[in-house]
Amino acid sequence: MSPYGEIYDKVFSEHSGYQNPIGSPGFRLCLQNQERLMNLGPHHLDYGSGAGFAVELMRSHLFRKESFGVDVSAKMAASANARIGAEVIHLLENSRAPFPNDTFDLVTCFDVLEHLDPPDIFATRDEIQRVLKPGGTFFCNISLRLSGTIDQEGRNLHRTVAKPDWWDTIFQFDEFTVTKSDMEMTAWKRLPA
């Protein structure tokens, strides 16, 4: 997944929306689902954490989680770690999060999956399942529309735009909702204990 790192270093540098928590779907969804998230155990990973706004929020007094993030963008990780004041955002190495199996009670993945090519979506699913504890919860949102931005390869940033049922077939969610106005789905899955 190394080309993604180059793409999102550039996107982060050129698009100020990635540098503000107000534009962060993860920040918004964590606040909207605060009560549910509070009850899911203390260990949290935000997969594709970008500028780290969800990680920072989950570490705050509102959630009190031991929260970490992984991303492909070195620029976003460095910016997040500087703002948070701790090395909590790590780079994915060979598509692998630098954490042992069965580490996290909760893994979130906000506005990430649609940015991947299909083979990488499957690899990401498997990696998320690897780091989740048995009985752990996966919470994500996925955009169902094209992005307004083209990357340096001339491709839409949303490389995989698919219907909710396609995503559900891959992840086998316990529940999902679709917001037509935003053209996004929000989904939850709990692993067997």
N, C-alpha and C. Protein backbone atom coordinates (compact mmCIF):
# COMPACT_ATOMS: atom_id res chain seq x y z
N MET A 1 0.82 -1.20 0.00
CA MET A 1 0.00 0.00 0.00
C MET A 1 0.85 1.26 0.00
N SER A 2 2.12 1.18 -0.36
CA SER A 2 3.01 2.34 -0.29
C SER A 2 2.57 3.52 -1.16
N PRO A 3 2.02 3.32 -2.37
CA PRO A 3 1.60 4.51 -3.13
C PRO A 3 0.56 5.34 -2.39
N TYR A 4 -0.24 4.72 -1.53
CA TYR A 4 -1.23 5.47 -0.77
C TYR A 4 -0.54 6.51 0.12
N GLY A 5 0.59 6.17 0.69
CA GLY A 5 1.31 7.11 1.55
C GLY A 5 1.70 8.37 0.80
N GLU A 6 2.23 8.21 -0.40
CA GLU A 6 2.60 9.37 -1.22
C GLU A 6 1.37 10.20 -1.57
N ILE A 7 0.29 9.52 -1.93
CA ILE A 7 -0.94 10.22 -2.30
C ILE A 7 -1.45 11.06 -1.12
N TYR A 8 -1.51 10.47 0.07
CA TYR A 8 -2.13 11.17 1.19
C TYR A 8 -1.19 12.15 1.88
N ASP A 9 0.12 12.01 1.70
CA ASP A 9 1.03 13.09 2.12
C ASP A 9 0.71 14.34 1.31
N LYS A 10 0.51 14.16 0.01
CA LYS A 10 0.21 15.29 -0.88
C LYS A 10 -1.18 15.87 -0.57
N VAL A 11 -2.16 15.02 -0.40
CA VAL A 11 -3.52 15.48 -0.08
C VAL A 11 -3.51 16.29 1.21
N PHE A 12 -2.81 15.80 2.23
CA PHE A 12 -2.74 16.50 3.51
C PHE A 12 -2.12 17.88 3.34
N SER A 13 -1.08 17.98 2.53
CA SER A 13 -0.40 19.25 2.31
C SER A 13 -1.26 20.24 1.54
N GLU A 14 -2.11 19.74 0.64
CA GLU A 14 -2.83 20.62 -0.28
C GLU A 14 -4.29 20.89 0.10
N HIS A 15 -4.86 20.14 1.02
CA HIS A 15 -6.29 20.28 1.34
C HIS A 15 -6.45 20.55 2.83
N SER A 16 -6.79 21.77 3.16
CA SER A 16 -6.88 22.18 4.56
C SER A 16 -7.97 21.44 5.33
N GLY A 17 -8.96 20.88 4.65
CA GLY A 17 -10.02 20.14 5.32
C GLY A 17 -9.52 18.95 6.11
N TYR A 18 -8.37 18.40 5.71
CA TYR A 18 -7.79 17.27 6.43
C TYR A 18 -7.07 17.72 7.70
N GLN A 19 -6.98 19.03 7.91
CA GLN A 19 -6.23 19.56 9.04
C GLN A 19 -7.14 20.18 10.10
N ASN A 20 -8.44 19.86 10.03
CA ASN A 20 -9.41 20.47 10.93
C ASN A 20 -10.38 19.40 11.44
N PRO A 21 -10.58 19.29 12.75
CA PRO A 21 -11.48 18.25 13.26
C PRO A 21 -12.93 18.42 12.82
N ILE A 22 -13.33 19.62 12.47
CA ILE A 22 -14.71 19.86 12.05
C ILE A 22 -15.03 19.05 10.79
N GLY A 23 -14.06 18.86 9.90
CA GLY A 23 -14.28 18.09 8.68
C GLY A 23 -14.02 16.60 8.85
N SER A 24 -13.74 16.16 10.07
CA SER A 24 -13.37 14.77 10.31
C SER A 24 -14.61 13.91 10.59
N PRO A 25 -14.94 12.97 9.67
CA PRO A 25 -16.08 12.09 9.95
C PRO A 25 -15.90 11.31 11.25
N GLY A 26 -14.69 10.88 11.54
CA GLY A 26 -14.45 10.12 12.76
C GLY A 26 -14.73 10.93 14.01
N PHE A 27 -14.30 12.17 14.03
CA PHE A 27 -14.54 13.07 15.16
C PHE A 27 -16.05 13.20 15.39
N ARG A 28 -16.78 13.47 14.30
CA ARG A 28 -18.23 13.63 14.37
C ARG A 28 -18.92 12.35 14.85
N LEU A 29 -18.54 11.22 14.27
CA LEU A 29 -19.21 9.96 14.61
C LEU A 29 -18.89 9.49 16.03
N CYS A 30 -17.69 9.76 16.51
CA CYS A 30 -17.36 9.42 17.90
C CYS A 30 -18.24 10.22 18.86
N LEU A 31 -18.40 11.51 18.59
CA LEU A 31 -19.25 12.33 19.45
C LEU A 31 -20.70 11.88 19.39
N GLN A 32 -21.19 11.56 18.19
CA GLN A 32 -22.58 11.12 18.03
C GLN A 32 -22.85 9.78 18.71
N ASN A 33 -21.83 8.96 18.86
CA ASN A 33 -21.99 7.62 19.42
C ASN A 33 -21.26 7.45 20.75
N GLN A 34 -21.09 8.56 21.47
CA GLN A 34 -20.27 8.56 22.67
C GLN A 34 -20.70 7.51 23.69
N GLU A 35 -21.97 7.43 24.00
CA GLU A 35 -22.43 6.50 25.04
C GLU A 35 -22.10 5.05 24.66
N ARG A 36 -22.36 4.70 23.43
CA ARG A 36 -22.09 3.33 22.98
C ARG A 36 -20.59 3.03 23.00
N LEU A 37 -19.80 3.97 22.53
CA LEU A 37 -18.35 3.77 22.48
C LEU A 37 -17.73 3.68 23.87
N MET A 38 -18.29 4.40 24.82
CA MET A 38 -17.76 4.38 26.20
C MET A 38 -17.81 2.98 26.81
N ASN A 39 -18.74 2.17 26.36
CA ASN A 39 -18.96 0.85 26.96
C ASN A 39 -18.22 -0.28 26.25
N LEU A 40 -17.26 0.04 25.40
CA LEU A 40 -16.61 -0.99 24.58
C LEU A 40 -15.19 -1.33 24.99
N GLY A 41 -14.79 -1.04 26.18
CA GLY A 41 -13.45 -1.38 26.64
C GLY A 41 -12.47 -0.25 26.40
N PRO A 42 -11.32 -0.29 27.08
CA PRO A 42 -10.41 0.85 27.08
C PRO A 42 -9.43 0.93 25.91
N HIS A 43 -9.22 -0.15 25.18
CA HIS A 43 -8.16 -0.17 24.16
C HIS A 43 -8.74 0.07 22.77
N HIS A 44 -8.31 1.17 22.14
CA HIS A 44 -8.88 1.62 20.86
C HIS A 44 -7.79 1.83 19.82
N LEU A 45 -8.08 1.43 18.59
CA LEU A 45 -7.23 1.72 17.43
C LEU A 45 -8.08 2.37 16.37
N ASP A 46 -7.60 3.51 15.84
CA ASP A 46 -8.24 4.13 14.69
C ASP A 46 -7.41 3.77 13.47
N TYR A 47 -7.96 2.95 12.59
CA TYR A 47 -7.25 2.44 11.41
C TYR A 47 -7.46 3.44 10.28
N GLY A 48 -6.37 4.03 9.80
CA GLY A 48 -6.47 5.11 8.81
C GLY A 48 -6.77 6.41 9.53
N SER A 49 -5.99 6.68 10.57
CA SER A 49 -6.29 7.78 11.49
C SER A 49 -6.04 9.16 10.93
N GLY A 50 -5.37 9.26 9.78
CA GLY A 50 -5.14 10.56 9.19
C GLY A 50 -4.47 11.51 10.16
N ALA A 51 -5.07 12.67 10.35
CA ALA A 51 -4.49 13.69 11.22
C ALA A 51 -4.75 13.42 12.70
N GLY A 52 -5.38 12.29 13.03
CA GLY A 52 -5.48 11.85 14.42
C GLY A 52 -6.55 12.48 15.27
N PHE A 53 -7.54 13.12 14.65
CA PHE A 53 -8.56 13.80 15.45
C PHE A 53 -9.40 12.82 16.26
N ALA A 54 -9.74 11.67 15.69
CA ALA A 54 -10.52 10.68 16.45
C ALA A 54 -9.69 10.11 17.60
N VAL A 55 -8.41 9.87 17.37
CA VAL A 55 -7.53 9.37 18.43
C VAL A 55 -7.43 10.39 19.55
N GLU A 56 -7.22 11.64 19.20
CA GLU A 56 -7.13 12.69 20.22
C GLU A 56 -8.42 12.78 21.04
N LEU A 57 -9.55 12.71 20.37
CA LEU A 57 -10.84 12.77 21.06
C LEU A 57 -11.03 11.56 21.98
N MET A 58 -10.69 10.38 21.49
CA MET A 58 -10.88 9.17 22.29
C MET A 58 -9.94 9.14 23.50
N ARG A 59 -8.82 9.82 23.43
CA ARG A 59 -7.89 9.91 24.57
C ARG A 59 -8.32 10.99 25.57
N SER A 60 -9.25 11.84 25.17
CA SER A 60 -9.66 12.98 26.01
C SER A 60 -10.50 12.53 27.20
N HIS A 61 -10.80 13.49 28.07
CA HIS A 61 -11.63 13.22 29.25
C HIS A 61 -13.04 12.74 28.89
N LEU A 62 -13.48 12.99 27.66
CA LEU A 62 -14.81 12.55 27.24
C LEU A 62 -14.91 11.04 27.10
N PHE A 63 -13.81 10.39 26.69
CA PHE A 63 -13.82 8.95 26.44
C PHE A 63 -12.85 8.16 27.32
N ARG A 64 -11.71 8.76 27.63
CA ARG A 64 -10.68 8.12 28.47
C ARG A 64 -10.23 6.76 27.93
N LYS A 65 -10.04 6.67 26.63
CA LYS A 65 -9.56 5.44 26.01
C LYS A 65 -8.03 5.47 25.89
N GLU A 66 -7.43 4.31 25.92
CA GLU A 66 -6.03 4.16 25.54
C GLU A 66 -6.06 4.00 24.02
N SER A 67 -5.94 5.12 23.32
CA SER A 67 -6.21 5.18 21.89
C SER A 67 -4.94 5.38 21.08
N PHE A 68 -4.86 4.63 19.98
CA PHE A 68 -3.74 4.72 19.04
C PHE A 68 -4.30 4.80 17.63
N GLY A 69 -3.45 5.17 16.69
CA GLY A 69 -3.85 5.20 15.30
C GLY A 69 -2.77 4.65 14.41
N VAL A 70 -3.19 4.24 13.22
CA VAL A 70 -2.25 3.85 12.16
C VAL A 70 -2.69 4.53 10.88
N ASP A 71 -1.71 4.90 10.06
CA ASP A 71 -2.01 5.55 8.80
C ASP A 71 -0.87 5.29 7.82
N VAL A 72 -1.12 5.60 6.54
CA VAL A 72 -0.09 5.46 5.51
C VAL A 72 0.69 6.75 5.29
N SER A 73 0.17 7.87 5.78
CA SER A 73 0.78 9.17 5.53
C SER A 73 1.72 9.57 6.67
N ALA A 74 3.00 9.66 6.36
CA ALA A 74 3.98 10.08 7.36
C ALA A 74 3.72 11.52 7.80
N LYS A 75 3.29 12.38 6.86
CA LYS A 75 3.01 13.78 7.20
C LYS A 75 1.84 13.89 8.17
N MET A 76 0.78 13.14 7.92
CA MET A 76 -0.37 13.19 8.82
C MET A 76 -0.01 12.64 10.20
N ALA A 77 0.72 11.53 10.23
CA ALA A 77 1.12 10.93 11.51
C ALA A 77 1.99 11.90 12.31
N ALA A 78 2.96 12.53 11.66
CA ALA A 78 3.84 13.47 12.35
C ALA A 78 3.06 14.67 12.88
N SER A 79 2.15 15.20 12.08
CA SER A 79 1.33 16.33 12.50
C SER A 79 0.47 15.95 13.70
N ALA A 80 -0.15 14.78 13.65
CA ALA A 80 -1.01 14.33 14.75
C ALA A 80 -0.20 14.13 16.02
N ASN A 81 0.94 13.47 15.92
CA ASN A 81 1.75 13.21 17.11
C ASN A 81 2.25 14.50 17.74
N ALA A 82 2.60 15.48 16.90
CA ALA A 82 3.05 16.78 17.43
C ALA A 82 1.90 17.48 18.16
N ARG A 83 0.71 17.46 17.57
CA ARG A 83 -0.44 18.12 18.19
C ARG A 83 -0.85 17.41 19.49
N ILE A 84 -0.88 16.08 19.48
CA ILE A 84 -1.29 15.30 20.64
C ILE A 84 -0.22 15.32 21.73
N GLY A 85 1.04 15.46 21.33
CA GLY A 85 2.14 15.49 22.29
C GLY A 85 2.61 14.12 22.72
N ALA A 86 2.34 13.12 21.90
CA ALA A 86 2.77 11.74 22.19
C ALA A 86 2.84 10.97 20.88
N GLU A 87 3.67 9.93 20.85
CA GLU A 87 3.80 9.09 19.65
C GLU A 87 2.70 8.03 19.68
N VAL A 88 1.51 8.42 19.26
CA VAL A 88 0.37 7.51 19.30
C VAL A 88 -0.15 7.12 17.92
N ILE A 89 0.29 7.84 16.88
CA ILE A 89 -0.07 7.51 15.51
C ILE A 89 1.14 6.86 14.86
N HIS A 90 0.96 5.65 14.38
CA HIS A 90 2.06 4.87 13.79
C HIS A 90 1.80 4.65 12.31
N LEU A 91 2.88 4.43 11.57
CA LEU A 91 2.74 4.12 10.15
C LEU A 91 2.48 2.64 9.96
N LEU A 92 1.61 2.35 9.00
CA LEU A 92 1.42 0.96 8.59
C LEU A 92 2.70 0.50 7.92
N GLU A 93 3.14 -0.68 8.24
CA GLU A 93 4.36 -1.24 7.64
C GLU A 93 3.99 -2.49 6.87
N ASN A 94 4.14 -2.43 5.53
CA ASN A 94 3.74 -3.56 4.68
C ASN A 94 2.29 -3.94 4.94
N SER A 95 1.44 -2.93 5.02
CA SER A 95 0.00 -3.09 5.25
C SER A 95 -0.33 -3.67 6.62
N ARG A 96 0.60 -3.64 7.53
CA ARG A 96 0.42 -4.26 8.84
C ARG A 96 0.54 -3.21 9.95
N ALA A 97 -0.41 -3.26 10.88
CA ALA A 97 -0.35 -2.38 12.05
C ALA A 97 0.69 -2.93 13.03
N PRO A 98 1.50 -2.07 13.64
CA PRO A 98 2.57 -2.53 14.53
C PRO A 98 2.07 -2.90 15.93
N PHE A 99 1.08 -3.77 15.97
CA PHE A 99 0.50 -4.22 17.24
C PHE A 99 0.30 -5.73 17.19
N PRO A 100 0.38 -6.38 18.34
CA PRO A 100 0.16 -7.83 18.38
C PRO A 100 -1.30 -8.20 18.08
N ASN A 101 -1.52 -9.45 17.79
CA ASN A 101 -2.88 -9.97 17.62
C ASN A 101 -3.70 -9.71 18.88
N ASP A 102 -5.01 -9.55 18.69
CA ASP A 102 -5.95 -9.48 19.82
C ASP A 102 -5.61 -8.38 20.82
N THR A 103 -5.29 -7.19 20.33
CA THR A 103 -4.88 -6.08 21.20
C THR A 103 -6.02 -5.16 21.59
N PHE A 104 -6.96 -4.90 20.68
CA PHE A 104 -7.90 -3.80 20.87
C PHE A 104 -9.34 -4.27 21.10
N ASP A 105 -10.02 -3.56 22.00
CA ASP A 105 -11.44 -3.78 22.25
C ASP A 105 -12.28 -3.16 21.15
N LEU A 106 -11.76 -2.10 20.56
CA LEU A 106 -12.48 -1.32 19.55
C LEU A 106 -11.51 -0.90 18.46
N VAL A 107 -11.90 -1.13 17.21
CA VAL A 107 -11.18 -0.58 16.06
C VAL A 107 -12.17 0.25 15.27
N THR A 108 -11.80 1.50 15.01
CA THR A 108 -12.60 2.38 14.16
C THR A 108 -11.87 2.58 12.84
N CYS A 109 -12.63 2.92 11.83
CA CYS A 109 -12.06 3.13 10.49
C CYS A 109 -13.00 4.09 9.76
N PHE A 110 -12.67 5.37 9.81
CA PHE A 110 -13.56 6.41 9.31
C PHE A 110 -13.06 6.98 8.00
N ASP A 111 -13.90 6.92 6.97
CA ASP A 111 -13.59 7.55 5.68
C ASP A 111 -12.26 7.03 5.13
N VAL A 112 -12.08 5.71 5.14
CA VAL A 112 -10.83 5.09 4.71
C VAL A 112 -11.07 4.06 3.61
N LEU A 113 -11.99 3.15 3.85
CA LEU A 113 -12.13 1.96 2.99
C LEU A 113 -12.40 2.31 1.54
N GLU A 114 -13.19 3.34 1.29
CA GLU A 114 -13.50 3.72 -0.09
C GLU A 114 -12.28 4.27 -0.82
N HIS A 115 -11.24 4.63 -0.09
CA HIS A 115 -10.01 5.15 -0.69
C HIS A 115 -9.09 4.03 -1.19
N LEU A 116 -9.46 2.79 -0.94
CA LEU A 116 -8.60 1.65 -1.27
C LEU A 116 -9.09 0.91 -2.51
N ASP A 117 -8.16 0.26 -3.19
CA ASP A 117 -8.51 -0.67 -4.26
C ASP A 117 -9.04 -1.95 -3.62
N PRO A 118 -9.92 -2.69 -4.31
CA PRO A 118 -10.53 -3.88 -3.70
C PRO A 118 -9.55 -4.87 -3.04
N PRO A 119 -8.42 -5.23 -3.65
CA PRO A 119 -7.54 -6.18 -2.94
C PRO A 119 -7.06 -5.64 -1.59
N ASP A 120 -6.86 -4.33 -1.51
CA ASP A 120 -6.41 -3.72 -0.25
C ASP A 120 -7.54 -3.64 0.77
N ILE A 121 -8.78 -3.59 0.30
CA ILE A 121 -9.93 -3.62 1.22
C ILE A 121 -9.95 -4.95 1.96
N PHE A 122 -9.75 -6.03 1.23
CA PHE A 122 -9.75 -7.35 1.87
C PHE A 122 -8.59 -7.49 2.85
N ALA A 123 -7.42 -6.99 2.47
CA ALA A 123 -6.25 -7.04 3.36
C ALA A 123 -6.49 -6.20 4.62
N THR A 124 -7.13 -5.06 4.45
CA THR A 124 -7.45 -4.19 5.59
C THR A 124 -8.44 -4.88 6.52
N ARG A 125 -9.47 -5.49 5.95
CA ARG A 125 -10.43 -6.23 6.77
C ARG A 125 -9.72 -7.29 7.62
N ASP A 126 -8.84 -8.04 6.98
CA ASP A 126 -8.12 -9.10 7.69
C ASP A 126 -7.22 -8.54 8.79
N GLU A 127 -6.59 -7.40 8.52
CA GLU A 127 -5.71 -6.79 9.52
C GLU A 127 -6.51 -6.25 10.70
N ILE A 128 -7.65 -5.66 10.42
CA ILE A 128 -8.52 -5.18 11.50
C ILE A 128 -8.97 -6.35 12.38
N GLN A 129 -9.35 -7.44 11.75
CA GLN A 129 -9.76 -8.62 12.52
C GLN A 129 -8.60 -9.19 13.32
N ARG A 130 -7.39 -9.08 12.80
CA ARG A 130 -6.21 -9.61 13.51
C ARG A 130 -5.97 -8.86 14.82
N VAL A 131 -6.09 -7.53 14.80
CA VAL A 131 -5.75 -6.75 16.00
C VAL A 131 -6.92 -6.62 16.98
N LEU A 132 -8.13 -6.94 16.54
CA LEU A 132 -9.28 -6.90 17.45
C LEU A 132 -9.26 -8.10 18.39
N LYS A 133 -9.58 -7.85 19.65
CA LYS A 133 -9.72 -8.94 20.62
C LYS A 133 -10.98 -9.75 20.28
N PRO A 134 -11.03 -11.01 20.66
CA PRO A 134 -12.29 -11.75 20.56
C PRO A 134 -13.38 -10.98 21.32
N GLY A 135 -14.53 -10.82 20.69
CA GLY A 135 -15.60 -10.04 21.28
C GLY A 135 -15.45 -8.54 21.06
N GLY A 136 -14.37 -8.13 20.36
CA GLY A 136 -14.14 -6.71 20.08
C GLY A 136 -15.09 -6.18 19.03
N THR A 137 -15.14 -4.85 18.92
CA THR A 137 -16.08 -4.18 18.03
C THR A 137 -15.36 -3.39 16.96
N PHE A 138 -15.86 -3.48 15.74
CA PHE A 138 -15.40 -2.70 14.59
C PHE A 138 -16.50 -1.70 14.26
N PHE A 139 -16.12 -0.41 14.18
CA PHE A 139 -17.06 0.67 13.88
C PHE A 139 -16.47 1.50 12.76
N CYS A 140 -17.24 1.68 11.68
CA CYS A 140 -16.68 2.41 10.53
C CYS A 140 -17.74 3.25 9.83
N ASN A 141 -17.25 4.14 8.99
CA ASN A 141 -18.12 4.78 8.02
C ASN A 141 -17.44 4.70 6.66
N ILE A 142 -18.26 4.64 5.62
CA ILE A 142 -17.77 4.47 4.25
C ILE A 142 -18.55 5.41 3.36
N SER A 143 -17.84 6.22 2.58
CA SER A 143 -18.50 7.09 1.62
C SER A 143 -18.97 6.24 0.43
N LEU A 144 -20.15 6.54 -0.06
CA LEU A 144 -20.75 5.78 -1.17
C LEU A 144 -20.78 6.60 -2.46
N ARG A 145 -19.95 7.61 -2.54
CA ARG A 145 -19.93 8.49 -3.71
C ARG A 145 -18.49 8.77 -4.12
N LEU A 146 -18.34 9.31 -5.32
CA LEU A 146 -17.02 9.73 -5.76
C LEU A 146 -16.57 10.95 -4.96
N SER A 147 -15.28 11.08 -4.80
CA SER A 147 -14.69 12.26 -4.17
C SER A 147 -14.63 13.39 -5.21
N GLY A 148 -14.51 14.59 -4.73
CA GLY A 148 -14.31 15.72 -5.63
C GLY A 148 -12.84 15.95 -5.95
N THR A 149 -11.97 15.05 -5.52
CA THR A 149 -10.53 15.23 -5.67
C THR A 149 -9.92 14.07 -6.46
N ILE A 150 -9.00 14.42 -7.34
CA ILE A 150 -8.24 13.45 -8.14
C ILE A 150 -6.82 13.42 -7.60
N ASP A 151 -6.24 12.22 -7.52
CA ASP A 151 -4.86 12.11 -7.01
C ASP A 151 -3.84 12.33 -8.12
N GLN A 152 -2.55 12.26 -7.76
CA GLN A 152 -1.49 12.52 -8.74
C GLN A 152 -1.39 11.44 -9.81
N GLU A 153 -2.08 10.31 -9.62
CA GLU A 153 -2.13 9.27 -10.64
C GLU A 153 -3.31 9.48 -11.59
N GLY A 154 -4.09 10.55 -11.33
CA GLY A 154 -5.26 10.85 -12.16
C GLY A 154 -6.49 10.05 -11.78
N ARG A 155 -6.48 9.43 -10.62
CA ARG A 155 -7.60 8.62 -10.16
C ARG A 155 -8.38 9.34 -9.07
N ASN A 156 -9.66 9.06 -9.01
CA ASN A 156 -10.49 9.61 -7.95
C ASN A 156 -9.99 9.10 -6.61
N LEU A 157 -9.97 9.97 -5.60
CA LEU A 157 -9.53 9.54 -4.28
C LEU A 157 -10.39 8.41 -3.73
N HIS A 158 -11.67 8.39 -4.08
CA HIS A 158 -12.53 7.28 -3.69
C HIS A 158 -12.43 6.22 -4.77
N ARG A 159 -11.49 5.31 -4.60
CA ARG A 159 -11.19 4.30 -5.62
C ARG A 159 -12.24 3.22 -5.71
N THR A 160 -12.95 2.96 -4.63
CA THR A 160 -13.98 1.92 -4.63
C THR A 160 -15.29 2.53 -4.15
N VAL A 161 -16.17 2.80 -5.10
CA VAL A 161 -17.50 3.30 -4.79
C VAL A 161 -18.46 2.14 -5.07
N ALA A 162 -19.11 1.68 -4.02
CA ALA A 162 -19.98 0.51 -4.16
C ALA A 162 -21.22 0.69 -3.28
N LYS A 163 -22.22 -0.13 -3.56
CA LYS A 163 -23.46 -0.09 -2.79
C LYS A 163 -23.24 -0.70 -1.40
N PRO A 164 -24.08 -0.32 -0.44
CA PRO A 164 -23.93 -0.85 0.92
C PRO A 164 -23.90 -2.38 0.99
N ASP A 165 -24.70 -3.04 0.17
CA ASP A 165 -24.72 -4.51 0.22
C ASP A 165 -23.38 -5.12 -0.17
N TRP A 166 -22.64 -4.47 -1.07
CA TRP A 166 -21.31 -4.96 -1.46
C TRP A 166 -20.38 -4.93 -0.25
N TRP A 167 -20.39 -3.80 0.46
CA TRP A 167 -19.56 -3.66 1.65
C TRP A 167 -19.98 -4.66 2.72
N ASP A 168 -21.29 -4.83 2.89
CA ASP A 168 -21.79 -5.76 3.90
C ASP A 168 -21.38 -7.20 3.59
N THR A 169 -21.32 -7.56 2.33
CA THR A 169 -20.87 -8.90 1.96
C THR A 169 -19.43 -9.13 2.40
N ILE A 170 -18.59 -8.12 2.29
CA ILE A 170 -17.18 -8.24 2.66
C ILE A 170 -17.01 -8.29 4.19
N PHE A 171 -17.69 -7.40 4.89
CA PHE A 171 -17.46 -7.25 6.33
C PHE A 171 -18.49 -7.99 7.20
N GLN A 172 -19.62 -8.35 6.61
CA GLN A 172 -20.69 -9.04 7.36
C GLN A 172 -21.03 -8.27 8.64
N PHE A 173 -21.44 -7.02 8.45
CA PHE A 173 -21.77 -6.14 9.56
C PHE A 173 -22.95 -6.69 10.36
N ASP A 174 -22.98 -6.38 11.64
CA ASP A 174 -24.14 -6.70 12.48
C ASP A 174 -25.27 -5.72 12.19
N GLU A 175 -24.89 -4.49 11.90
CA GLU A 175 -25.88 -3.45 11.57
C GLU A 175 -25.20 -2.35 10.77
N PHE A 176 -25.98 -1.72 9.90
CA PHE A 176 -25.48 -0.53 9.22
C PHE A 176 -26.65 0.38 8.87
N THR A 177 -26.35 1.66 8.77
CA THR A 177 -27.33 2.65 8.33
C THR A 177 -26.72 3.41 7.17
N VAL A 178 -27.59 3.89 6.30
CA VAL A 178 -27.16 4.68 5.15
C VAL A 178 -27.80 6.05 5.26
N THR A 179 -26.97 7.07 5.16
CA THR A 179 -27.45 8.45 5.14
C THR A 179 -27.43 8.91 3.70
N LYS A 180 -28.62 9.03 3.12
CA LYS A 180 -28.69 9.37 1.70
C LYS A 180 -28.17 10.77 1.41
N SER A 181 -28.44 11.71 2.31
CA SER A 181 -28.01 13.09 2.05
C SER A 181 -26.49 13.19 1.98
N ASP A 182 -25.79 12.43 2.82
CA ASP A 182 -24.33 12.44 2.81
C ASP A 182 -23.75 11.35 1.93
N MET A 183 -24.60 10.43 1.46
CA MET A 183 -24.14 9.27 0.67
C MET A 183 -23.03 8.54 1.41
N GLU A 184 -23.32 8.17 2.66
CA GLU A 184 -22.35 7.39 3.43
C GLU A 184 -23.08 6.35 4.25
N MET A 185 -22.35 5.30 4.58
CA MET A 185 -22.90 4.29 5.47
C MET A 185 -22.07 4.24 6.73
N THR A 186 -22.73 3.97 7.83
CA THR A 186 -22.08 3.79 9.12
C THR A 186 -22.41 2.38 9.58
N ALA A 187 -21.39 1.63 10.02
CA ALA A 187 -21.60 0.22 10.29
C ALA A 187 -20.88 -0.23 11.56
N TRP A 188 -21.41 -1.29 12.15
CA TRP A 188 -20.88 -1.89 13.37
C TRP A 188 -20.77 -3.39 13.18
N LYS A 189 -19.73 -3.97 13.74
CA LYS A 189 -19.58 -5.43 13.75
C LYS A 189 -18.87 -5.82 15.04
N ARG A 190 -19.41 -6.82 15.69
CA ARG A 190 -18.75 -7.36 16.88
C ARG A 190 -18.23 -8.75 16.55
N LEU A 191 -16.96 -8.99 16.84
CA LEU A 191 -16.37 -10.30 16.60
C LEU A 191 -16.89 -11.29 17.63
N PRO A 192 -16.96 -12.56 17.27
CA PRO A 192 -17.36 -13.56 18.27
C PRO A 192 -16.37 -13.58 19.43
N ALA A 193 -16.87 -13.86 20.61
CA ALA A 193 -16.01 -13.91 21.80
C ALA A 193 -15.14 -15.16 21.80
